[in-house]
Amino acid sequence: MMIKKILLAMSILSSAYVTGADLTTTKPERVGMSTDRLTRIGTLMQAYVDQEAIAGSVTLIARKGKIVHFEPTGVLNLDTGEPMQNDSLFRIYSMTKPITSVAAMLLFEQGKFQLDDPIAQYLPEFSNVKVLVDGNLVNPDHAPTIRELLSHTAGLTYGIFSNTEVDKLYREALWGDRAMLDLTKYRGDGIERRVKDLDELSKTIASIPLLYQPGSQWVYSISVDILGRLIEVISGQSLDQFLQQEIFDPLEMEDTFFEIPNDKTARFGTNHLAGKDGKLRVVDRPETSDYVKPVSIFSGGGGLISTAGDYLRFAQMLLNGGELNGVRLLSPTTIALIRRNQLTDTSSKGYSDRPNTGDTIGFGLGVGVATGEQLSSAAEVGTYTWGGMAGTLFWVDPKHELVAILMIQRILSPEAIRSKFRNLTYQAITEMN
């Protein structure tokens, strides 16, 4: 009897690796996944490290609210060789967007705005926007809306991925140079914006013509940064304060921020880009990175640092219908709205017509969504996802009660890393819900 009690205690302790009060590890077989098959993920990531395609990674999978895989591989810092750890800090870039979108939906639930309210109702600088059509400025068919900000259909662009006249105007206004940015020469601390905060950013963007008629197409854009400014105006708080108070503190996300605290910089590593010889080179170092300097532009579209464990808490809240560990951020009805496709047959141009999608993807309020059976993965209809410029990725699959997170740090990372990680996650499922 005593031996059984000891074995039971050991079993409890072995499953108590905690990233939050309610997120513990469990044996994969207990939630319908295979321990042996999950080991293939570590093998894959180690192969990419050995090939010098990435410096290191952290992969994390949870099913039915339990962690079944949490594994660091390779190094955190390519200069020092410091090993990757589960709590390593990552530049998540555009994986900031779902967090900012949820922040906006908190205000939506409070009745502070309606999705189809004009942006100009809260940001008057957008009152007189024009659309550039064949070199001529014309009036928009309708005033761009908050819904269109959330779904990248408001007529805005990014300024860095295309070379239209509007993109050139973005680059000139934000960085003082109309030339096309060469991401192969990216340096993390090498591009300084000419605007000092989100207020100035919003007014600058509003002074530039729209790229297309609002609602007519999907163009990946700076719209979530503008959404961040809208949150500031409606809430009366800076975006960093609002996120901290309304999302990070309630969800116990202690390692997510725009500016890394001094006592946590040791967990922050190098960022990378492949040189012409195919080998990784460091493009951003912890000691000189903008992320360790005072931040004044709180980029809701790409400015956050986080860990795999922290992002799991956010994603698990979404999977749980807006609640985590007894703390409710959103109603399940709002989560359903977030992952509902907002694109029309017309506005889906530029997104759902991409190769190998077969019109099986759409875009919700801040996340991409699977609207049909996927052609390249086993992700179920209703799965929602997004990634970041340095190769990070997350998705939530409600049907399989699954959350998966990939953290790496390589600009222009091979898309195969993400797709293979996704497929190795699904092949480890042994029991369907």
Protein backbone atom coordinates (compact mmCIF):
# COMPACT_ATOMS: atom_id res chain seq x y z
CA MET A 1 0.00 0.00 0.00
CA MET A 2 2.84 2.40 0.88
CA ILE A 3 4.57 1.67 -2.44
CA LYS A 4 1.34 2.49 -4.29
CA LYS A 5 1.06 5.80 -2.43
CA ILE A 6 4.66 6.68 -3.30
CA LEU A 7 4.12 5.80 -6.96
CA LEU A 8 0.94 7.88 -7.01
CA ALA A 9 2.78 10.86 -5.50
CA MET A 10 5.58 10.52 -8.05
CA SER A 11 3.04 10.41 -10.85
CA ILE A 12 1.39 13.62 -9.62
CA LEU A 13 4.73 15.39 -9.31
CA SER A 14 5.86 14.28 -12.76
CA SER A 15 2.76 15.84 -14.33
CA ALA A 16 3.06 19.13 -12.45
CA TYR A 17 5.20 21.16 -14.80
CA VAL A 18 3.07 24.28 -14.78
CA THR A 19 2.94 27.25 -17.13
CA GLY A 20 -0.17 28.45 -15.33
CA ALA A 21 -2.36 27.27 -12.52
CA ASP A 22 -4.58 25.19 -14.78
CA LEU A 23 -2.16 24.10 -17.52
CA THR A 24 -0.21 21.02 -16.46
CA THR A 25 1.48 18.31 -18.47
CA THR A 26 -0.05 14.90 -18.92
CA LYS A 27 0.83 11.68 -20.68
CA PRO A 28 -0.22 12.17 -24.33
CA GLU A 29 -2.12 8.88 -24.38
CA ARG A 30 -4.51 10.26 -21.76
CA VAL A 31 -5.79 12.80 -24.27
CA GLY A 32 -5.64 10.68 -27.41
CA MET A 33 -2.13 11.42 -28.65
CA SER A 34 1.01 9.31 -29.06
CA THR A 35 4.19 9.86 -27.06
CA ASP A 36 6.29 8.12 -29.69
CA ARG A 37 4.83 10.11 -32.55
CA LEU A 38 5.32 13.41 -30.75
CA THR A 39 9.06 12.71 -30.55
CA ARG A 40 9.18 13.22 -34.32
CA ILE A 41 8.72 16.96 -33.71
CA GLY A 42 11.95 17.24 -31.75
CA THR A 43 13.74 15.19 -34.40
CA LEU A 44 12.48 17.56 -37.11
CA MET A 45 13.53 20.68 -35.23
CA GLN A 46 16.96 19.24 -34.44
CA ALA A 47 17.43 18.49 -38.13
CA TYR A 48 16.73 22.14 -38.97
CA VAL A 49 19.23 23.19 -36.30
CA ASP A 50 21.84 20.77 -37.66
CA GLN A 51 21.29 22.16 -41.17
CA GLU A 52 21.76 25.68 -39.74
CA ALA A 53 18.34 26.63 -41.04
CA ILE A 54 17.39 27.86 -37.56
CA ALA A 55 19.35 28.49 -34.38
CA GLY A 56 16.78 26.88 -32.12
CA SER A 57 13.10 26.44 -31.37
CA VAL A 58 10.48 25.86 -28.72
CA THR A 59 7.49 23.73 -29.68
CA LEU A 60 4.41 23.38 -27.51
CA ILE A 61 1.23 21.34 -27.95
CA ALA A 62 -1.76 21.10 -25.64
CA ARG A 63 -4.84 18.98 -26.07
CA LYS A 64 -7.99 19.12 -23.93
CA GLY A 65 -6.32 21.70 -21.72
CA LYS A 66 -3.25 19.56 -20.96
CA ILE A 67 0.29 20.00 -22.23
CA VAL A 68 1.48 16.91 -24.10
CA HIS A 69 4.62 18.31 -25.73
CA PHE A 70 6.90 21.16 -24.63
CA GLU A 71 10.41 20.98 -26.03
CA PRO A 72 13.30 23.39 -26.58
CA THR A 73 15.87 22.62 -29.29
CA GLY A 74 19.12 24.28 -30.31
CA VAL A 75 20.43 27.58 -29.00
CA LEU A 76 18.86 30.81 -27.82
CA ASN A 77 21.85 32.96 -28.67
CA LEU A 78 23.90 32.19 -31.75
CA ASP A 79 26.77 34.35 -30.51
CA THR A 80 27.17 32.70 -27.12
CA GLY A 81 25.78 29.22 -27.76
CA GLU A 82 23.43 29.55 -24.80
CA PRO A 83 20.87 26.73 -25.05
CA MET A 84 17.20 27.32 -25.77
CA GLN A 85 14.88 26.96 -22.77
CA ASN A 86 11.12 26.55 -22.44
CA ASP A 87 10.86 30.05 -20.97
CA SER A 88 12.99 31.76 -23.62
CA LEU A 89 11.65 35.10 -24.89
CA PHE A 90 10.74 35.53 -28.57
CA ARG A 91 9.94 38.38 -30.93
CA ILE A 92 6.46 37.28 -31.92
CA TYR A 93 5.92 40.11 -34.44
CA SER A 94 2.51 39.61 -36.08
CA MET A 95 1.34 37.11 -33.48
CA THR A 96 0.73 40.38 -31.61
CA LYS A 97 -2.25 40.99 -33.91
CA PRO A 98 -4.63 38.39 -32.38
CA ILE A 99 -3.90 39.81 -28.91
CA THR A 100 -4.66 43.38 -30.02
CA SER A 101 -7.79 42.17 -31.79
CA VAL A 102 -9.01 40.47 -28.60
CA ALA A 103 -8.29 43.72 -26.74
CA ALA A 104 -10.55 45.56 -29.17
CA MET A 105 -13.29 42.95 -28.71
CA LEU A 106 -13.17 43.52 -24.95
CA LEU A 107 -14.29 47.10 -25.66
CA PHE A 108 -16.83 45.81 -28.19
CA GLU A 109 -18.39 43.67 -25.47
CA GLN A 110 -18.63 46.76 -23.25
CA GLY A 111 -20.69 48.54 -25.89
CA LYS A 112 -17.95 51.08 -26.62
CA PHE A 113 -18.23 50.62 -30.40
CA GLN A 114 -19.98 48.66 -33.12
CA LEU A 115 -18.00 46.71 -35.70
CA ASP A 116 -19.41 48.72 -38.59
CA ASP A 117 -18.76 52.09 -36.99
CA PRO A 118 -16.55 54.29 -39.20
CA ILE A 119 -12.97 54.52 -37.98
CA ALA A 120 -13.33 58.30 -38.22
CA GLN A 121 -15.95 58.27 -35.48
CA TYR A 122 -13.10 57.67 -33.02
CA LEU A 123 -10.08 58.79 -35.08
CA PRO A 124 -11.22 62.00 -36.82
CA GLU A 125 -8.05 62.12 -38.92
CA PHE A 126 -9.73 59.46 -41.13
CA SER A 127 -12.73 61.70 -41.89
CA ASN A 128 -11.57 62.83 -45.32
CA VAL A 129 -9.61 59.86 -46.65
CA LYS A 130 -9.44 59.38 -50.41
CA VAL A 131 -8.70 56.33 -52.57
CA LEU A 132 -5.95 56.39 -55.19
CA VAL A 133 -7.39 54.90 -58.39
CA ASP A 134 -5.31 54.98 -61.59
CA GLY A 135 -3.41 57.99 -60.32
CA ASN A 136 -6.54 59.91 -59.34
CA LEU A 137 -7.93 60.61 -55.87
CA VAL A 138 -11.55 59.55 -55.53
CA ASN A 139 -13.98 59.34 -52.64
CA PRO A 140 -14.35 55.96 -50.91
CA ASP A 141 -17.53 54.02 -51.59
CA HIS A 142 -18.04 54.06 -47.84
CA ALA A 143 -16.07 55.18 -44.81
CA PRO A 144 -13.65 52.43 -43.70
CA THR A 145 -14.90 50.63 -40.59
CA ILE A 146 -13.53 48.98 -37.48
CA ARG A 147 -14.58 45.58 -38.85
CA GLU A 148 -12.41 46.30 -41.88
CA LEU A 149 -9.46 47.22 -39.66
CA LEU A 150 -9.79 43.85 -37.91
CA SER A 151 -10.04 41.95 -41.20
CA HIS A 152 -7.39 43.83 -43.27
CA THR A 153 -9.99 45.11 -45.72
CA ALA A 154 -10.01 48.85 -44.78
CA GLY A 155 -7.96 50.05 -47.76
CA LEU A 156 -4.66 50.25 -45.89
CA THR A 157 -1.38 48.54 -46.75
CA TYR A 158 1.94 47.90 -44.97
CA GLY A 159 4.39 49.79 -47.14
CA ILE A 160 7.00 47.04 -47.07
CA PHE A 161 5.64 44.10 -49.07
CA SER A 162 4.61 45.82 -52.32
CA ASN A 163 5.78 48.67 -54.48
CA THR A 164 2.58 50.52 -55.38
CA GLU A 165 2.52 54.30 -55.26
CA VAL A 166 0.64 54.10 -51.96
CA ASP A 167 3.28 51.77 -50.52
CA LYS A 168 5.95 54.27 -51.58
CA LEU A 169 4.05 57.04 -49.79
CA TYR A 170 3.94 54.87 -46.64
CA ARG A 171 7.69 54.30 -46.76
CA GLU A 172 8.44 57.96 -47.35
CA ALA A 173 6.17 59.09 -44.50
CA LEU A 174 7.25 56.45 -41.98
CA TRP A 175 10.95 56.02 -42.78
CA GLY A 176 11.87 58.88 -45.10
CA ASP A 177 12.71 56.69 -48.07
CA ARG A 178 10.43 55.69 -50.94
CA ALA A 179 12.73 52.84 -51.98
CA MET A 180 11.49 49.26 -51.66
CA LEU A 181 12.73 47.72 -48.42
CA ASP A 182 15.00 44.72 -48.88
CA LEU A 183 14.06 42.28 -46.13
CA THR A 184 17.11 40.18 -46.98
CA LYS A 185 19.15 43.02 -45.44
CA TYR A 186 16.92 43.34 -42.39
CA ARG A 187 18.41 44.52 -39.11
CA GLY A 188 16.27 44.48 -36.02
CA ASP A 189 17.46 47.87 -34.82
CA GLY A 190 18.21 49.31 -38.25
CA ILE A 191 14.91 50.98 -39.25
CA GLU A 192 13.72 53.98 -37.28
CA ARG A 193 10.23 55.33 -37.80
CA ARG A 194 9.73 59.06 -38.17
CA VAL A 195 6.67 58.93 -35.92
CA LYS A 196 6.97 58.87 -32.13
CA ASP A 197 3.71 57.24 -30.98
CA LEU A 198 0.45 55.68 -32.17
CA ASP A 199 -1.31 59.04 -32.33
CA GLU A 200 1.26 60.37 -34.77
CA LEU A 201 1.27 57.07 -36.67
CA SER A 202 -2.50 57.16 -37.12
CA LYS A 203 -2.48 60.77 -38.34
CA THR A 204 0.37 60.01 -40.74
CA ILE A 205 -1.39 56.99 -42.26
CA ALA A 206 -4.70 58.88 -42.50
CA SER A 207 -2.97 61.56 -44.60
CA ILE A 208 -2.05 58.96 -47.26
CA PRO A 209 -4.64 57.75 -49.80
CA LEU A 210 -6.21 54.33 -49.41
CA LEU A 211 -4.79 51.63 -51.68
CA TYR A 212 -8.23 50.30 -52.68
CA GLN A 213 -11.90 50.81 -51.99
CA PRO A 214 -12.71 49.71 -48.42
CA GLY A 215 -14.13 46.21 -48.27
CA SER A 216 -13.17 45.37 -51.85
CA GLN A 217 -10.15 43.17 -51.14
CA TRP A 218 -7.84 41.74 -48.45
CA VAL A 219 -4.41 43.35 -48.15
CA TYR A 220 -2.14 42.58 -45.22
CA SER A 221 -1.67 45.94 -43.59
CA ILE A 222 -0.84 48.28 -40.76
CA SER A 223 -4.52 48.25 -39.81
CA VAL A 224 -3.99 46.53 -36.44
CA ASP A 225 -1.57 49.29 -35.43
CA ILE A 226 -4.36 51.76 -36.20
CA LEU A 227 -6.69 49.52 -34.19
CA GLY A 228 -4.22 49.87 -31.30
CA ARG A 229 -4.58 53.65 -31.48
CA LEU A 230 -8.37 53.29 -31.56
CA ILE A 231 -8.16 51.19 -28.37
CA GLU A 232 -6.13 53.98 -26.74
CA VAL A 233 -8.72 56.63 -27.65
CA ILE A 234 -11.73 54.59 -26.54
CA SER A 235 -10.17 53.26 -23.33
CA GLY A 236 -8.27 56.39 -22.31
CA GLN A 237 -5.16 54.26 -21.69
CA SER A 238 -1.99 53.65 -23.66
CA LEU A 239 -2.09 50.33 -25.50
CA ASP A 240 0.58 48.75 -23.30
CA GLN A 241 -1.33 49.69 -20.15
CA PHE A 242 -4.61 48.37 -21.54
CA LEU A 243 -3.13 45.04 -22.61
CA GLN A 244 -1.41 44.63 -19.25
CA GLN A 245 -4.51 45.40 -17.22
CA GLU A 246 -7.13 43.66 -19.34
CA ILE A 247 -5.29 40.64 -20.78
CA PHE A 248 -1.82 39.94 -19.41
CA ASP A 249 -2.60 40.32 -15.70
CA PRO A 250 -5.91 38.39 -15.78
CA LEU A 251 -4.34 35.55 -17.79
CA GLU A 252 -1.13 35.55 -15.71
CA MET A 253 0.97 36.22 -18.80
CA GLU A 254 4.02 37.38 -16.90
CA ASP A 255 6.45 37.25 -19.84
CA THR A 256 4.61 39.26 -22.50
CA PHE A 257 5.49 42.92 -23.06
CA PHE A 258 6.62 45.55 -25.57
CA GLU A 259 9.80 46.34 -23.64
CA ILE A 260 11.84 43.62 -21.91
CA PRO A 261 12.44 44.26 -18.18
CA ASN A 262 16.10 44.34 -17.17
CA ASP A 263 15.76 41.23 -15.03
CA LYS A 264 14.50 39.17 -18.00
CA THR A 265 16.94 40.12 -20.77
CA ALA A 266 19.05 36.99 -20.08
CA ARG A 267 16.19 34.93 -21.55
CA PHE A 268 16.14 36.96 -24.79
CA GLY A 269 18.19 35.68 -27.71
CA THR A 270 19.45 36.61 -31.14
CA ASN A 271 17.36 37.01 -34.27
CA HIS A 272 18.58 35.70 -37.61
CA LEU A 273 18.49 35.83 -41.37
CA ALA A 274 20.08 33.51 -43.91
CA GLY A 275 22.98 35.06 -45.82
CA LYS A 276 23.74 34.53 -49.50
CA ASP A 277 25.69 31.42 -48.53
CA GLY A 278 22.60 30.02 -46.83
CA LYS A 279 24.13 30.21 -43.36
CA LEU A 280 22.45 32.05 -40.51
CA ARG A 281 23.72 35.45 -39.54
CA VAL A 282 22.66 37.49 -36.53
CA VAL A 283 20.57 40.57 -37.38
CA ASP A 284 19.45 41.57 -33.88
CA ARG A 285 21.27 41.07 -30.60
CA PRO A 286 19.80 41.24 -27.09
CA GLU A 287 22.24 43.88 -25.93
CA THR A 288 21.40 46.34 -28.76
CA SER A 289 17.84 45.35 -29.68
CA ASP A 290 15.05 47.92 -29.76
CA TYR A 291 13.17 45.62 -27.40
CA VAL A 292 15.51 46.45 -24.51
CA LYS A 293 15.26 50.20 -25.14
CA PRO A 294 12.42 52.51 -24.06
CA VAL A 295 9.42 51.94 -26.34
CA SER A 296 7.08 54.76 -27.38
CA ILE A 297 5.29 53.17 -30.35
CA PHE A 298 3.28 50.26 -28.95
CA SER A 299 2.77 48.33 -32.16
CA GLY A 300 -0.46 46.38 -31.90
CA GLY A 301 0.43 44.77 -35.18
CA GLY A 302 3.86 43.41 -34.33
CA GLY A 303 5.53 44.79 -31.23
CA LEU A 304 5.24 42.15 -28.51
CA ILE A 305 7.76 39.82 -26.93
CA SER A 306 6.41 36.60 -25.41
CA THR A 307 7.13 32.99 -24.50
CA ALA A 308 5.54 29.79 -25.74
CA GLY A 309 4.02 29.25 -22.29
CA ASP A 310 2.48 32.71 -22.14
CA TYR A 311 1.06 32.44 -25.63
CA LEU A 312 -0.45 29.10 -24.70
CA ARG A 313 -2.39 30.83 -21.92
CA PHE A 314 -3.80 33.29 -24.45
CA ALA A 315 -4.62 30.61 -27.03
CA GLN A 316 -6.12 28.26 -24.44
CA MET A 317 -8.40 31.10 -23.31
CA LEU A 318 -9.64 31.33 -26.89
CA LEU A 319 -10.16 27.57 -27.10
CA ASN A 320 -12.03 27.61 -23.78
CA GLY A 321 -14.52 30.11 -25.16
CA GLY A 322 -13.01 33.21 -23.55
CA GLU A 323 -12.09 31.85 -20.11
CA LEU A 324 -8.98 30.54 -18.39
CA ASN A 325 -8.58 29.31 -14.84
CA GLY A 326 -11.85 30.85 -13.70
CA VAL A 327 -11.12 34.23 -15.29
CA ARG A 328 -13.42 35.20 -18.17
CA LEU A 329 -12.20 37.74 -20.71
CA LEU A 330 -14.80 37.26 -23.44
CA SER A 331 -18.12 35.56 -24.01
CA PRO A 332 -18.15 32.36 -26.07
CA THR A 333 -20.37 34.23 -28.52
CA THR A 334 -17.62 36.80 -29.08
CA ILE A 335 -15.03 34.06 -29.63
CA ALA A 336 -17.39 32.58 -32.23
CA LEU A 337 -17.58 36.00 -33.91
CA ILE A 338 -13.79 36.39 -33.90
CA ARG A 339 -13.35 33.11 -35.77
CA ARG A 340 -16.21 33.72 -38.21
CA ASN A 341 -15.10 34.48 -41.75
CA GLN A 342 -15.52 38.21 -42.43
CA LEU A 343 -14.56 38.10 -46.10
CA THR A 344 -16.97 38.20 -48.99
CA ASP A 345 -16.52 36.73 -52.46
CA THR A 346 -15.11 40.11 -53.46
CA SER A 347 -13.02 41.02 -50.43
CA SER A 348 -11.42 37.58 -50.23
CA LYS A 349 -9.35 38.55 -53.27
CA GLY A 350 -5.73 38.56 -52.17
CA TYR A 351 -6.18 36.04 -49.37
CA SER A 352 -8.36 33.01 -50.03
CA ASP A 353 -7.33 32.84 -53.68
CA ARG A 354 -3.72 32.02 -52.80
CA PRO A 355 -2.18 28.79 -54.21
CA ASN A 356 -3.13 25.46 -52.61
CA THR A 357 -5.99 26.92 -50.58
CA GLY A 358 -8.86 26.07 -52.91
CA ASP A 359 -11.09 28.72 -51.29
CA THR A 360 -10.89 26.81 -47.99
CA ILE A 361 -9.56 29.70 -45.92
CA GLY A 362 -10.98 33.00 -44.78
CA PHE A 363 -10.18 35.72 -42.31
CA GLY A 364 -11.99 36.52 -39.10
CA LEU A 365 -11.45 39.36 -36.65
CA GLY A 366 -7.67 39.22 -36.27
CA VAL A 367 -7.07 35.59 -37.27
CA GLY A 368 -7.03 33.42 -40.36
CA VAL A 369 -9.73 30.74 -40.31
CA ALA A 370 -10.26 27.40 -42.04
CA THR A 371 -13.61 27.66 -43.83
CA GLY A 372 -13.40 24.33 -45.64
CA GLU A 373 -11.54 21.04 -45.57
CA GLN A 374 -7.85 21.83 -45.86
CA LEU A 375 -5.86 20.54 -48.82
CA SER A 376 -2.42 20.49 -47.17
CA SER A 377 -3.07 19.59 -43.54
CA ALA A 378 -5.52 17.78 -41.27
CA ALA A 379 -6.63 20.99 -39.56
CA GLU A 380 -10.40 20.90 -39.16
CA VAL A 381 -12.92 23.46 -40.39
CA GLY A 382 -13.08 26.21 -37.78
CA THR A 383 -9.37 26.12 -36.95
CA TYR A 384 -7.89 29.60 -36.59
CA THR A 385 -4.30 30.71 -36.74
CA TRP A 386 -1.65 33.35 -37.32
CA GLY A 387 2.13 33.65 -37.39
CA GLY A 388 4.96 36.15 -37.14
CA MET A 389 7.73 37.47 -39.39
CA ALA A 390 10.44 35.48 -37.60
CA GLY A 391 8.71 32.14 -38.24
CA THR A 392 6.53 31.90 -35.14
CA LEU A 393 3.14 30.22 -35.46
CA PHE A 394 0.09 29.29 -33.42
CA TRP A 395 -3.23 27.71 -34.15
CA VAL A 396 -6.34 26.64 -32.27
CA ASP A 397 -8.34 23.66 -33.51
CA PRO A 398 -11.67 23.59 -31.60
CA LYS A 399 -12.81 20.25 -33.02
CA HIS A 400 -9.69 18.47 -31.78
CA GLU A 401 -9.47 20.68 -28.65
CA LEU A 402 -5.91 21.42 -29.72
CA VAL A 403 -3.49 24.33 -29.35
CA ALA A 404 -0.07 24.27 -31.02
CA ILE A 405 2.72 26.85 -30.86
CA LEU A 406 6.02 27.12 -32.73
CA MET A 407 8.64 29.66 -31.66
CA ILE A 408 11.73 30.30 -33.79
CA GLN A 409 13.71 33.44 -34.68
CA ARG A 410 14.52 33.67 -38.36
CA ILE A 411 13.34 36.39 -40.72
CA LEU A 412 12.11 34.88 -44.02
CA SER A 413 12.12 31.41 -42.49
CA PRO A 414 11.21 28.50 -44.79
CA GLU A 415 7.46 27.92 -44.85
CA ALA A 416 8.18 24.17 -44.75
CA ILE A 417 9.12 24.45 -41.07
CA ARG A 418 5.62 25.58 -40.20
CA SER A 419 3.82 23.12 -42.46
CA LYS A 420 5.88 20.16 -41.29
CA PHE A 421 5.34 21.10 -37.64
CA ARG A 422 1.61 21.26 -38.32
CA ASN A 423 1.56 17.86 -39.99
CA LEU A 424 3.67 16.22 -37.27
CA THR A 425 1.26 17.59 -34.69
CA TYR A 426 -1.75 16.03 -36.39
CA GLN A 427 -0.10 12.70 -37.11
CA ALA A 428 0.39 12.32 -33.33
CA ILE A 429 -3.38 12.25 -32.75
CA THR A 430 -4.54 8.67 -32.18
CA GLU A 431 -8.10 9.31 -31.02
CA MET A 432 -10.53 11.59 -32.80
CA ASN A 433 -13.04 13.60 -30.81
